[in-house]
PDB file of all heavy atoms in Angstrom:
ATOM      1  N   PRO A   1     129.654   8.427  80.540  1.00  0.00           N
ATOM      2  CA  PRO A   1     128.605   7.490  80.865  1.00  0.00           C
ATOM      3  C   PRO A   1     128.448   7.197  82.322  1.00  0.00           C
ATOM      4  O   PRO A   1     129.371   7.446  83.048  1.00  0.00           O
ATOM      5  CB  PRO A   1     129.033   6.253  80.039  1.00  0.00           C
ATOM      6  CG  PRO A   1     130.067   6.695  79.093  1.00  0.00           C
ATOM      7  CD  PRO A   1     130.715   7.847  79.741  1.00  0.00           C
ATOM      8  N   PRO A   2     127.302   6.787  82.705  1.00  0.00           N
ATOM      9  CA  PRO A   2     127.122   6.391  84.143  1.00  0.00           C
ATOM     10  C   PRO A   2     128.184   5.500  84.696  1.00  0.00           C
ATOM     11  O   PRO A   2     128.397   4.415  84.142  1.00  0.00           O
ATOM     12  CB  PRO A   2     125.723   5.787  84.175  1.00  0.00           C
ATOM     13  CG  PRO A   2     124.991   6.291  82.960  1.00  0.00           C
ATOM     14  CD  PRO A   2     126.104   6.491  81.973  1.00  0.00           C
ATOM     15  N   GLY A   3     128.848   5.925  85.784  1.00  0.00           N
ATOM     16  CA  GLY A   3     129.806   5.046  86.442  1.00  0.00           C
ATOM     17  C   GLY A   3     131.149   4.926  85.695  1.00  0.00           C
ATOM     18  O   GLY A   3     131.972   4.108  86.025  1.00  0.00           O
ATOM     19  N   LYS A   4     131.326   5.714  84.654  1.00  0.00           N
ATOM     20  CA  LYS A   4     132.535   5.611  83.895  1.00  0.00           C
ATOM     21  C   LYS A   4     133.258   6.976  83.804  1.00  0.00           C
ATOM     22  O   LYS A   4     132.713   8.007  84.235  1.00  0.00           O
ATOM     23  CB  LYS A   4     132.237   5.131  82.415  1.00  0.00           C
ATOM     24  CG  LYS A   4     131.665   3.719  82.413  1.00  0.00           C
ATOM     25  CD  LYS A   4     131.481   3.242  81.005  1.00  0.00           C
ATOM     26  CE  LYS A   4     130.900   1.805  80.932  1.00  0.00           C
ATOM     27  NZ  LYS A   4     130.707   1.373  79.537  1.00  0.00           N
ATOM     28  N   GLN A   5     134.439   6.968  83.259  1.00  0.00           N
ATOM     29  CA  GLN A   5     135.266   8.184  83.119  1.00  0.00           C
ATOM     30  C   GLN A   5     134.836   8.990  81.891  1.00  0.00           C
ATOM     31  O   GLN A   5     134.263   8.425  80.946  1.00  0.00           O
ATOM     32  CB  GLN A   5     136.767   7.812  83.040  1.00  0.00           C
ATOM     33  CG  GLN A   5     137.307   7.320  84.321  1.00  0.00           C
ATOM     34  CD  GLN A   5     138.850   7.105  84.222  1.00  0.00           C
ATOM     35  OE1 GLN A   5     139.414   6.931  83.192  1.00  0.00           O
ATOM     36  NE2 GLN A   5     139.507   7.222  85.339  1.00  0.00           N
ATOM     37  N   ARG A   6     135.092  10.235  81.938  1.00  0.00           N
ATOM     38  CA  ARG A   6     134.819  11.093  80.778  1.00  0.00           C
ATOM     39  C   ARG A   6     135.709  10.720  79.617  1.00  0.00           C
ATOM     40  O   ARG A   6     136.940  10.438  79.813  1.00  0.00           O
ATOM     41  CB  ARG A   6     135.004  12.602  81.185  1.00  0.00           C
ATOM     42  CG  ARG A   6     134.543  13.592  80.206  1.00  0.00           C
ATOM     43  CD  ARG A   6     134.723  14.975  80.719  1.00  0.00           C
ATOM     44  NE  ARG A   6     133.962  15.199  82.014  1.00  0.00           N
ATOM     45  CZ  ARG A   6     133.814  16.352  82.517  1.00  0.00           C
ATOM     46  NH1 ARG A   6     134.321  17.475  81.961  1.00  0.00           N
ATOM     47  NH2 ARG A   6     133.140  16.493  83.641  1.00  0.00           N
ATOM     48  N   GLU A   7     135.105  10.729  78.433  1.00  0.00           N
ATOM     49  CA  GLU A   7     135.864  10.275  77.250  1.00  0.00           C
ATOM     50  C   GLU A   7     135.626  11.292  76.108  1.00  0.00           C
ATOM     51  O   GLU A   7     134.535  11.932  76.057  1.00  0.00           O
ATOM     52  CB  GLU A   7     135.387   8.914  76.788  1.00  0.00           C
ATOM     53  CG  GLU A   7     133.930   8.728  76.443  1.00  0.00           C
ATOM     54  CD  GLU A   7     133.564   7.325  76.136  1.00  0.00           C
ATOM     55  OE1 GLU A   7     134.267   6.359  76.499  1.00  0.00           O
ATOM     56  OE2 GLU A   7     132.480   7.200  75.545  1.00  0.00           O
ATOM     57  N   LEU A   8     136.569  11.323  75.206  1.00  0.00           N
ATOM     58  CA  LEU A   8     136.420  12.233  74.097  1.00  0.00           C
ATOM     59  C   LEU A   8     135.438  11.652  73.008  1.00  0.00           C
ATOM     60  O   LEU A   8     135.548  10.427  72.757  1.00  0.00           O
ATOM     61  CB  LEU A   8     137.830  12.465  73.410  1.00  0.00           C
ATOM     62  CG  LEU A   8     137.791  13.250  72.103  1.00  0.00           C
ATOM     63  CD1 LEU A   8     137.379  14.685  72.367  1.00  0.00           C
ATOM     64  CD2 LEU A   8     139.145  13.152  71.401  1.00  0.00           C
ATOM     65  N   VAL A   9     134.587  12.474  72.532  1.00  0.00           N
ATOM     66  CA  VAL A   9     133.649  12.059  71.488  1.00  0.00           C
ATOM     67  C   VAL A   9     134.197  12.565  70.158  1.00  0.00           C
ATOM     68  O   VAL A   9     134.276  11.803  69.198  1.00  0.00           O
ATOM     69  CB  VAL A   9     132.219  12.524  71.776  1.00  0.00           C
ATOM     70  CG1 VAL A   9     131.263  12.217  70.583  1.00  0.00           C
ATOM     71  CG2 VAL A   9     131.693  12.016  73.074  1.00  0.00           C
ATOM     72  N   ALA A  10     134.402  13.830  70.080  1.00  0.00           N
ATOM     73  CA  ALA A  10     134.835  14.453  68.844  1.00  0.00           C
ATOM     74  C   ALA A  10     135.437  15.871  69.137  1.00  0.00           C
ATOM     75  O   ALA A  10     135.100  16.487  70.040  1.00  0.00           O
ATOM     76  CB  ALA A  10     133.717  14.580  67.829  1.00  0.00           C
ATOM     77  N   PHE A  11     136.395  16.209  68.303  1.00  0.00           N
ATOM     78  CA  PHE A  11     136.862  17.644  68.423  1.00  0.00           C
ATOM     79  C   PHE A  11     137.040  18.191  67.042  1.00  0.00           C
ATOM     80  O   PHE A  11     137.175  17.496  65.967  1.00  0.00           O
ATOM     81  CB  PHE A  11     138.183  17.725  69.220  1.00  0.00           C
ATOM     82  CG  PHE A  11     139.418  17.262  68.526  1.00  0.00           C
ATOM     83  CD1 PHE A  11     140.086  18.098  67.636  1.00  0.00           C
ATOM     84  CD2 PHE A  11     139.919  16.012  68.801  1.00  0.00           C
ATOM     85  CE1 PHE A  11     141.210  17.588  67.012  1.00  0.00           C
ATOM     86  CE2 PHE A  11     141.066  15.597  68.211  1.00  0.00           C
ATOM     87  CZ  PHE A  11     141.783  16.395  67.320  1.00  0.00           C
ATOM     88  N   ILE A  12     137.043  19.541  67.019  1.00  0.00           N
ATOM     89  CA  ILE A  12     137.287  20.304  65.772  1.00  0.00           C
ATOM     90  C   ILE A  12     138.238  21.388  66.093  1.00  0.00           C
ATOM     91  O   ILE A  12     138.057  22.179  67.084  1.00  0.00           O
ATOM     92  CB  ILE A  12     135.942  20.805  65.179  1.00  0.00           C
ATOM     93  CG1 ILE A  12     136.237  21.575  63.861  1.00  0.00           C
ATOM     94  CG2 ILE A  12     135.169  21.644  66.139  1.00  0.00           C
ATOM     95  CD1 ILE A  12     134.928  21.777  63.053  1.00  0.00           C
ATOM     96  N   ALA A  13     139.324  21.525  65.274  1.00  0.00           N
ATOM     97  CA  ALA A  13     140.348  22.510  65.499  1.00  0.00           C
ATOM     98  C   ALA A  13     140.652  23.102  64.149  1.00  0.00           C
ATOM     99  O   ALA A  13     141.204  22.322  63.257  1.00  0.00           O
ATOM    100  CB  ALA A  13     141.631  21.950  66.082  1.00  0.00           C
ATOM    101  N   VAL A  14     140.313  24.340  63.911  1.00  0.00           N
ATOM    102  CA  VAL A  14     140.347  24.983  62.559  1.00  0.00           C
ATOM    103  C   VAL A  14     139.538  24.122  61.676  1.00  0.00           C
ATOM    104  O   VAL A  14     138.319  24.164  61.823  1.00  0.00           O
ATOM    105  CB  VAL A  14     141.854  25.094  62.128  1.00  0.00           C
ATOM    106  CG1 VAL A  14     141.931  26.013  60.907  1.00  0.00           C
ATOM    107  CG2 VAL A  14     142.750  25.679  63.222  1.00  0.00           C
ATOM    108  N   VAL A  15     140.074  23.398  60.706  1.00  0.00           N
ATOM    109  CA  VAL A  15     139.267  22.627  59.795  1.00  0.00           C
ATOM    110  C   VAL A  15     139.448  21.162  60.133  1.00  0.00           C
ATOM    111  O   VAL A  15     138.784  20.353  59.412  1.00  0.00           O
ATOM    112  CB  VAL A  15     139.607  22.948  58.270  1.00  0.00           C
ATOM    113  CG1 VAL A  15     139.268  24.375  57.951  1.00  0.00           C
ATOM    114  CG2 VAL A  15     141.101  22.650  58.043  1.00  0.00           C
ATOM    115  N   ASN A  16     140.281  20.793  61.015  1.00  0.00           N
ATOM    116  CA  ASN A  16     140.457  19.394  61.296  1.00  0.00           C
ATOM    117  C   ASN A  16     139.496  18.824  62.366  1.00  0.00           C
ATOM    118  O   ASN A  16     139.146  19.487  63.299  1.00  0.00           O
ATOM    119  CB  ASN A  16     141.894  19.200  61.915  1.00  0.00           C
ATOM    120  CG  ASN A  16     142.946  19.622  60.888  1.00  0.00           C
ATOM    121  OD1 ASN A  16     142.876  19.265  59.663  1.00  0.00           O
ATOM    122  ND2 ASN A  16     143.985  20.352  61.361  1.00  0.00           N
ATOM    123  N   THR A  17     138.957  17.667  62.058  1.00  0.00           N
ATOM    124  CA  THR A  17     138.055  16.986  62.995  1.00  0.00           C
ATOM    125  C   THR A  17     138.600  15.591  63.328  1.00  0.00           C
ATOM    126  O   THR A  17     139.355  15.019  62.549  1.00  0.00           O
ATOM    127  CB  THR A  17     136.650  16.832  62.417  1.00  0.00           C
ATOM    128  OG1 THR A  17     136.702  16.095  61.143  1.00  0.00           O
ATOM    129  CG2 THR A  17     135.982  18.240  62.007  1.00  0.00           C
ATOM    130  N   ASN A  18     138.176  15.072  64.504  1.00  0.00           N
ATOM    131  CA  ASN A  18     138.597  13.778  64.894  1.00  0.00           C
ATOM    132  C   ASN A  18     137.424  13.165  65.725  1.00  0.00           C
ATOM    133  O   ASN A  18     136.741  13.950  66.481  1.00  0.00           O
ATOM    134  CB  ASN A  18     139.829  13.783  65.704  1.00  0.00           C
ATOM    135  CG  ASN A  18     140.475  12.416  65.847  1.00  0.00           C
ATOM    136  OD1 ASN A  18     140.349  11.597  64.958  1.00  0.00           O
ATOM    137  ND2 ASN A  18     141.145  12.220  67.012  1.00  0.00           N
ATOM    138  N   TYR A  19     137.242  11.878  65.594  1.00  0.00           N
ATOM    139  CA  TYR A  19     136.076  11.267  66.271  1.00  0.00           C
ATOM    140  C   TYR A  19     136.578   9.996  66.967  1.00  0.00           C
ATOM    141  O   TYR A  19     137.521   9.277  66.562  1.00  0.00           O
ATOM    142  CB  TYR A  19     135.070  10.794  65.273  1.00  0.00           C
ATOM    143  CG  TYR A  19     134.377  11.885  64.501  1.00  0.00           C
ATOM    144  CD1 TYR A  19     134.909  12.409  63.331  1.00  0.00           C
ATOM    145  CD2 TYR A  19     133.223  12.477  65.006  1.00  0.00           C
ATOM    146  CE1 TYR A  19     134.305  13.419  62.610  1.00  0.00           C
ATOM    147  CE2 TYR A  19     132.614  13.536  64.368  1.00  0.00           C
ATOM    148  CZ  TYR A  19     133.126  14.064  63.141  1.00  0.00           C
ATOM    149  OH  TYR A  19     132.487  15.029  62.459  1.00  0.00           O
ATOM    150  N   ALA A  20     135.940   9.681  68.098  1.00  0.00           N
ATOM    151  CA  ALA A  20     136.134   8.372  68.723  1.00  0.00           C
ATOM    152  C   ALA A  20     135.621   7.358  67.803  1.00  0.00           C
ATOM    153  O   ALA A  20     134.664   7.459  67.035  1.00  0.00           O
ATOM    154  CB  ALA A  20     135.349   8.325  70.048  1.00  0.00           C
ATOM    155  N   ASP A  21     136.295   6.152  67.782  1.00  0.00           N
ATOM    156  CA  ASP A  21     135.916   5.057  66.983  1.00  0.00           C
ATOM    157  C   ASP A  21     134.431   4.702  67.155  1.00  0.00           C
ATOM    158  O   ASP A  21     133.792   4.252  66.190  1.00  0.00           O
ATOM    159  CB  ASP A  21     136.849   3.803  67.207  1.00  0.00           C
ATOM    160  CG  ASP A  21     138.231   4.031  66.688  1.00  0.00           C
ATOM    161  OD1 ASP A  21     138.440   4.923  65.765  1.00  0.00           O
ATOM    162  OD2 ASP A  21     139.174   3.329  67.057  1.00  0.00           O
ATOM    163  N   SER A  22     133.973   4.750  68.371  1.00  0.00           N
ATOM    164  CA  SER A  22     132.632   4.321  68.654  1.00  0.00           C
ATOM    165  C   SER A  22     131.576   5.148  68.028  1.00  0.00           C
ATOM    166  O   SER A  22     130.328   4.707  67.993  1.00  0.00           O
ATOM    167  CB  SER A  22     132.420   4.320  70.266  1.00  0.00           C
ATOM    168  OG  SER A  22     132.662   5.578  70.736  1.00  0.00           O
ATOM    169  N   VAL A  23     131.937   6.375  67.544  1.00  0.00           N
ATOM    170  CA  VAL A  23     130.858   7.279  67.035  1.00  0.00           C
ATOM    171  C   VAL A  23     131.126   7.582  65.515  1.00  0.00           C
ATOM    172  O   VAL A  23     130.317   8.257  64.976  1.00  0.00           O
ATOM    173  CB  VAL A  23     130.771   8.599  67.845  1.00  0.00           C
ATOM    174  CG1 VAL A  23     130.548   8.260  69.278  1.00  0.00           C
ATOM    175  CG2 VAL A  23     131.980   9.451  67.593  1.00  0.00           C
ATOM    176  N   LYS A  24     132.219   7.138  64.970  1.00  0.00           N
ATOM    177  CA  LYS A  24     132.485   7.413  63.549  1.00  0.00           C
ATOM    178  C   LYS A  24     131.397   6.968  62.694  1.00  0.00           C
ATOM    179  O   LYS A  24     130.844   5.768  62.837  1.00  0.00           O
ATOM    180  CB  LYS A  24     133.875   6.722  63.224  1.00  0.00           C
ATOM    181  CG  LYS A  24     135.102   7.431  63.637  1.00  0.00           C
ATOM    182  CD  LYS A  24     136.336   6.797  63.202  1.00  0.00           C
ATOM    183  CE  LYS A  24     137.544   7.543  63.688  1.00  0.00           C
ATOM    184  NZ  LYS A  24     138.812   6.774  63.305  1.00  0.00           N
ATOM    185  N   GLY A  25     131.043   7.731  61.728  1.00  0.00           N
ATOM    186  CA  GLY A  25     129.967   7.408  60.799  1.00  0.00           C
ATOM    187  C   GLY A  25     128.544   7.665  61.340  1.00  0.00           C
ATOM    188  O   GLY A  25     127.621   7.660  60.611  1.00  0.00           O
ATOM    189  N   ARG A  26     128.428   8.003  62.704  1.00  0.00           N
ATOM    190  CA  ARG A  26     127.117   8.314  63.238  1.00  0.00           C
ATOM    191  C   ARG A  26     127.011   9.683  63.726  1.00  0.00           C
ATOM    192  O   ARG A  26     125.946  10.295  63.700  1.00  0.00           O
ATOM    193  CB  ARG A  26     126.851   7.301  64.449  1.00  0.00           C
ATOM    194  CG  ARG A  26     126.854   5.837  64.067  1.00  0.00           C
ATOM    195  CD  ARG A  26     126.338   4.965  65.215  1.00  0.00           C
ATOM    196  NE  ARG A  26     127.227   5.055  66.369  1.00  0.00           N
ATOM    197  CZ  ARG A  26     126.845   5.452  67.582  1.00  0.00           C
ATOM    198  NH1 ARG A  26     125.581   5.815  67.777  1.00  0.00           N
ATOM    199  NH2 ARG A  26     127.669   5.478  68.548  1.00  0.00           N
ATOM    200  N   PHE A  27     128.088  10.204  64.288  1.00  0.00           N
ATOM    201  CA  PHE A  27     128.117  11.587  64.797  1.00  0.00           C
ATOM    202  C   PHE A  27     128.929  12.526  63.819  1.00  0.00           C
ATOM    203  O   PHE A  27     129.854  12.138  63.277  1.00  0.00           O
ATOM    204  CB  PHE A  27     128.811  11.580  66.175  1.00  0.00           C
ATOM    205  CG  PHE A  27     128.066  10.906  67.270  1.00  0.00           C
ATOM    206  CD1 PHE A  27     126.900  10.132  67.051  1.00  0.00           C
ATOM    207  CD2 PHE A  27     128.429  11.103  68.581  1.00  0.00           C
ATOM    208  CE1 PHE A  27     126.245   9.456  68.027  1.00  0.00           C
ATOM    209  CE2 PHE A  27     127.705  10.476  69.665  1.00  0.00           C
ATOM    210  CZ  PHE A  27     126.692   9.695  69.341  1.00  0.00           C
ATOM    211  N   THR A  28     128.517  13.793  63.855  1.00  0.00           N
ATOM    212  CA  THR A  28     129.189  14.816  63.115  1.00  0.00           C
ATOM    213  C   THR A  28     129.308  16.032  63.935  1.00  0.00           C
ATOM    214  O   THR A  28     128.314  16.580  64.413  1.00  0.00           O
ATOM    215  CB  THR A  28     128.394  15.129  61.794  1.00  0.00           C
ATOM    216  OG1 THR A  28     128.238  13.994  60.970  1.00  0.00           O
ATOM    217  CG2 THR A  28     129.178  16.153  60.952  1.00  0.00           C
ATOM    218  N   ILE A  29     130.612  16.488  64.000  1.00  0.00           N
ATOM    219  CA  ILE A  29     130.843  17.797  64.708  1.00  0.00           C
ATOM    220  C   ILE A  29     131.024  18.903  63.718  1.00  0.00           C
ATOM    221  O   ILE A  29     131.710  18.709  62.661  1.00  0.00           O
ATOM    222  CB  ILE A  29     132.039  17.653  65.605  1.00  0.00           C
ATOM    223  CG1 ILE A  29     132.164  18.879  66.568  1.00  0.00           C
ATOM    224  CG2 ILE A  29     133.332  17.388  64.907  1.00  0.00           C
ATOM    225  CD1 ILE A  29     133.245  18.667  67.704  1.00  0.00           C
ATOM    226  N   SER A  30     130.545  20.043  64.081  1.00  0.00           N
ATOM    227  CA  SER A  30     130.675  21.218  63.129  1.00  0.00           C
ATOM    228  C   SER A  30     130.768  22.491  64.040  1.00  0.00           C
ATOM    229  O   SER A  30     130.254  22.522  65.177  1.00  0.00           O
ATOM    230  CB  SER A  30     129.513  21.325  62.183  1.00  0.00           C
ATOM    231  OG  SER A  30     128.312  21.427  62.786  1.00  0.00           O
ATOM    232  N   ARG A  31     131.360  23.459  63.431  1.00  0.00           N
ATOM    233  CA  ARG A  31     131.433  24.773  64.187  1.00  0.00           C
ATOM    234  C   ARG A  31     131.111  25.930  63.282  1.00  0.00           C
ATOM    235  O   ARG A  31     131.519  25.996  62.117  1.00  0.00           O
ATOM    236  CB  ARG A  31     132.889  24.956  64.691  1.00  0.00           C
ATOM    237  CG  ARG A  31     133.100  26.245  65.473  1.00  0.00           C
ATOM    238  CD  ARG A  31     134.523  26.312  65.964  1.00  0.00           C
ATOM    239  NE  ARG A  31     134.758  27.664  66.597  1.00  0.00           N
ATOM    240  CZ  ARG A  31     135.912  28.080  67.056  1.00  0.00           C
ATOM    241  NH1 ARG A  31     137.019  27.279  66.934  1.00  0.00           N
ATOM    242  NH2 ARG A  31     136.045  29.276  67.608  1.00  0.00           N
ATOM    243  N   ASP A  32     130.314  26.824  63.813  1.00  0.00           N
ATOM    244  CA  ASP A  32     129.998  28.062  63.115  1.00  0.00           C
ATOM    245  C   ASP A  32     130.286  29.193  64.075  1.00  0.00           C
ATOM    246  O   ASP A  32     129.437  29.410  64.999  1.00  0.00           O
ATOM    247  CB  ASP A  32     128.586  28.017  62.651  1.00  0.00           C
ATOM    248  CG  ASP A  32     128.160  29.281  61.951  1.00  0.00           C
ATOM    249  OD1 ASP A  32     129.010  30.060  61.516  1.00  0.00           O
ATOM    250  OD2 ASP A  32     126.887  29.480  61.704  1.00  0.00           O
ATOM    251  N   LYS A  33     131.333  29.907  63.874  1.00  0.00           N
ATOM    252  CA  LYS A  33     131.795  30.997  64.769  1.00  0.00           C
ATOM    253  C   LYS A  33     131.837  30.491  66.187  1.00  0.00           C
ATOM    254  O   LYS A  33     132.700  29.630  66.518  1.00  0.00           O
ATOM    255  CB  LYS A  33     130.790  32.134  64.589  1.00  0.00           C
ATOM    256  CG  LYS A  33     130.797  32.779  63.212  1.00  0.00           C
ATOM    257  CD  LYS A  33     129.893  33.961  63.117  1.00  0.00           C
ATOM    258  CE  LYS A  33     129.890  34.555  61.681  1.00  0.00           C
ATOM    259  NZ  LYS A  33     129.029  35.715  61.535  1.00  0.00           N
ATOM    260  N   ASN A  34     130.958  30.910  67.059  1.00  0.00           N
ATOM    261  CA  ASN A  34     131.061  30.578  68.495  1.00  0.00           C
ATOM    262  C   ASN A  34     130.161  29.441  68.873  1.00  0.00           C
ATOM    263  O   ASN A  34     129.951  29.237  70.089  1.00  0.00           O
ATOM    264  CB  ASN A  34     130.796  31.824  69.284  1.00  0.00           C
ATOM    265  CG  ASN A  34     131.771  32.929  69.032  1.00  0.00           C
ATOM    266  OD1 ASN A  34     132.895  32.721  68.711  1.00  0.00           O
ATOM    267  ND2 ASN A  34     131.307  34.164  69.120  1.00  0.00           N
ATOM    268  N   THR A  35     129.616  28.699  67.938  1.00  0.00           N
ATOM    269  CA  THR A  35     128.734  27.599  68.275  1.00  0.00           C
ATOM    270  C   THR A  35     129.315  26.344  67.693  1.00  0.00           C
ATOM    271  O   THR A  35     129.679  26.296  66.488  1.00  0.00           O
ATOM    272  CB  THR A  35     127.318  27.842  67.662  1.00  0.00           C
ATOM    273  OG1 THR A  35     126.777  29.011  68.306  1.00  0.00           O
ATOM    274  CG2 THR A  35     126.460  26.668  67.990  1.00  0.00           C
ATOM    275  N   VAL A  36     129.384  25.321  68.509  1.00  0.00           N
ATOM    276  CA  VAL A  36     129.807  24.002  68.094  1.00  0.00           C
ATOM    277  C   VAL A  36     128.605  23.051  68.228  1.00  0.00           C
ATOM    278  O   VAL A  36     127.900  23.125  69.237  1.00  0.00           O
ATOM    279  CB  VAL A  36     131.031  23.429  68.821  1.00  0.00           C
ATOM    280  CG1 VAL A  36     130.763  23.231  70.286  1.00  0.00           C
ATOM    281  CG2 VAL A  36     131.544  22.189  68.176  1.00  0.00           C
ATOM    282  N   THR A  37     128.378  22.273  67.219  1.00  0.00           N
ATOM    283  CA  THR A  37     127.189  21.378  67.146  1.00  0.00           C
ATOM    284  C   THR A  37     127.669  19.948  67.044  1.00  0.00           C
ATOM    285  O   THR A  37     128.630  19.660  66.352  1.00  0.00           O
ATOM    286  CB  THR A  37     126.277  21.740  65.985  1.00  0.00           C
ATOM    287  OG1 THR A  37     125.890  23.100  66.196  1.00  0.00           O
ATOM    288  CG2 THR A  37     125.136  20.840  65.906  1.00  0.00           C
ATOM    289  N   LEU A  38     126.968  19.030  67.695  1.00  0.00           N
ATOM    290  CA  LEU A  38     127.188  17.617  67.559  1.00  0.00           C
ATOM    291  C   LEU A  38     125.856  16.950  67.068  1.00  0.00           C
ATOM    292  O   LEU A  38     124.902  16.906  67.805  1.00  0.00           O
ATOM    293  CB  LEU A  38     127.577  16.996  68.876  1.00  0.00           C
ATOM    294  CG  LEU A  38     128.042  15.514  68.754  1.00  0.00           C
ATOM    295  CD1 LEU A  38     129.314  15.403  67.946  1.00  0.00           C
ATOM    296  CD2 LEU A  38     128.207  14.883  70.157  1.00  0.00           C
ATOM    297  N   GLN A  39     125.840  16.609  65.794  1.00  0.00           N
ATOM    298  CA  GLN A  39     124.659  15.826  65.235  1.00  0.00           C
ATOM    299  C   GLN A  39     124.897  14.412  65.513  1.00  0.00           C
ATOM    300  O   GLN A  39     125.883  13.845  65.087  1.00  0.00           O
ATOM    301  CB  GLN A  39     124.613  16.161  63.775  1.00  0.00           C
ATOM    302  CG  GLN A  39     123.415  15.355  63.124  1.00  0.00           C
ATOM    303  CD  GLN A  39     122.061  15.841  63.575  1.00  0.00           C
ATOM    304  OE1 GLN A  39     121.827  17.009  63.719  1.00  0.00           O
ATOM    305  NE2 GLN A  39     121.179  14.920  63.855  1.00  0.00           N
ATOM    306  N   MET A  40     123.960  13.767  66.222  1.00  0.00           N
ATOM    307  CA  MET A  40     124.101  12.421  66.659  1.00  0.00           C
ATOM    308  C   MET A  40     122.951  11.613  65.978  1.00  0.00           C
ATOM    309  O   MET A  40     121.818  11.817  66.248  1.00  0.00           O
ATOM    310  CB  MET A  40     124.016  12.223  68.148  1.00  0.00           C
ATOM    311  CG  MET A  40     125.059  13.112  68.854  1.00  0.00           C
ATOM    312  SD  MET A  40     125.055  12.819  70.656  1.00  0.00           S
ATOM    313  CE  MET A  40     123.463  13.392  71.119  1.00  0.00           C
ATOM    314  N   ASN A  41     123.353  10.663  65.115  1.00  0.00           N
ATOM    315  CA  ASN A  41     122.367   9.805  64.400  1.00  0.00           C
ATOM    316  C   ASN A  41     122.590   8.354  64.837  1.00  0.00           C
ATOM    317  O   ASN A  41     123.592   7.987  65.424  1.00  0.00           O
ATOM    318  CB  ASN A  41     122.553   9.912  62.900  1.00  0.00           C
ATOM    319  CG  ASN A  41     122.298  11.356  62.422  1.00  0.00           C
ATOM    320  OD1 ASN A  41     121.444  12.089  62.948  1.00  0.00           O
ATOM    321  ND2 ASN A  41     122.982  11.774  61.381  1.00  0.00           N
ATOM    322  N   SER A  42     121.585   7.561  64.540  1.00  0.00           N
ATOM    323  CA  SER A  42     121.706   6.112  64.822  1.00  0.00           C
ATOM    324  C   SER A  42     122.118   5.874  66.314  1.00  0.00           C
ATOM    325  O   SER A  42     122.978   5.073  66.559  1.00  0.00           O
ATOM    326  CB  SER A  42     122.638   5.376  63.922  1.00  0.00           C
ATOM    327  OG  SER A  42     122.191   5.606  62.524  1.00  0.00           O
ATOM    328  N   LEU A  43     121.433   6.577  67.228  1.00  0.00           N
ATOM    329  CA  LEU A  43     121.889   6.495  68.602  1.00  0.00           C
ATOM    330  C   LEU A  43     121.688   5.091  69.166  1.00  0.00           C
ATOM    331  O   LEU A  43     120.688   4.368  68.835  1.00  0.00           O
ATOM    332  CB  LEU A  43     121.128   7.524  69.437  1.00  0.00           C
ATOM    333  CG  LEU A  43     121.669   8.963  69.265  1.00  0.00           C
ATOM    334  CD1 LEU A  43     120.678  10.000  69.684  1.00  0.00           C
ATOM    335  CD2 LEU A  43     122.960   9.119  70.046  1.00  0.00           C
ATOM    336  N   LYS A  44     122.587   4.703  70.081  1.00  0.00           N
ATOM    337  CA  LYS A  44     122.518   3.447  70.746  1.00  0.00           C
ATOM    338  C   LYS A  44     122.443   3.619  72.258  1.00  0.00           C
ATOM    339  O   LYS A  44     122.807   4.664  72.734  1.00  0.00           O
ATOM    340  CB  LYS A  44     123.804   2.639  70.457  1.00  0.00           C
ATOM    341  CG  LYS A  44     124.125   2.460  68.924  1.00  0.00           C
ATOM    342  CD  LYS A  44     125.529   1.830  68.783  1.00  0.00           C
ATOM    343  CE  LYS A  44     125.798   1.641  67.325  1.00  0.00           C
ATOM    344  NZ  LYS A  44     127.103   0.966  67.052  1.00  0.00           N
TER     345      LYS A  44
END
């Protein structure tokens, strides 16, 4: 974010995913071969 440090949003490793508390339930990470996608809903 502007003026702030870089922070983790979400990661995917094999089949495991993890999300920052601030985006849980709103963002979804997925991976298909060499493409990783972040679907962001209910943006604030």
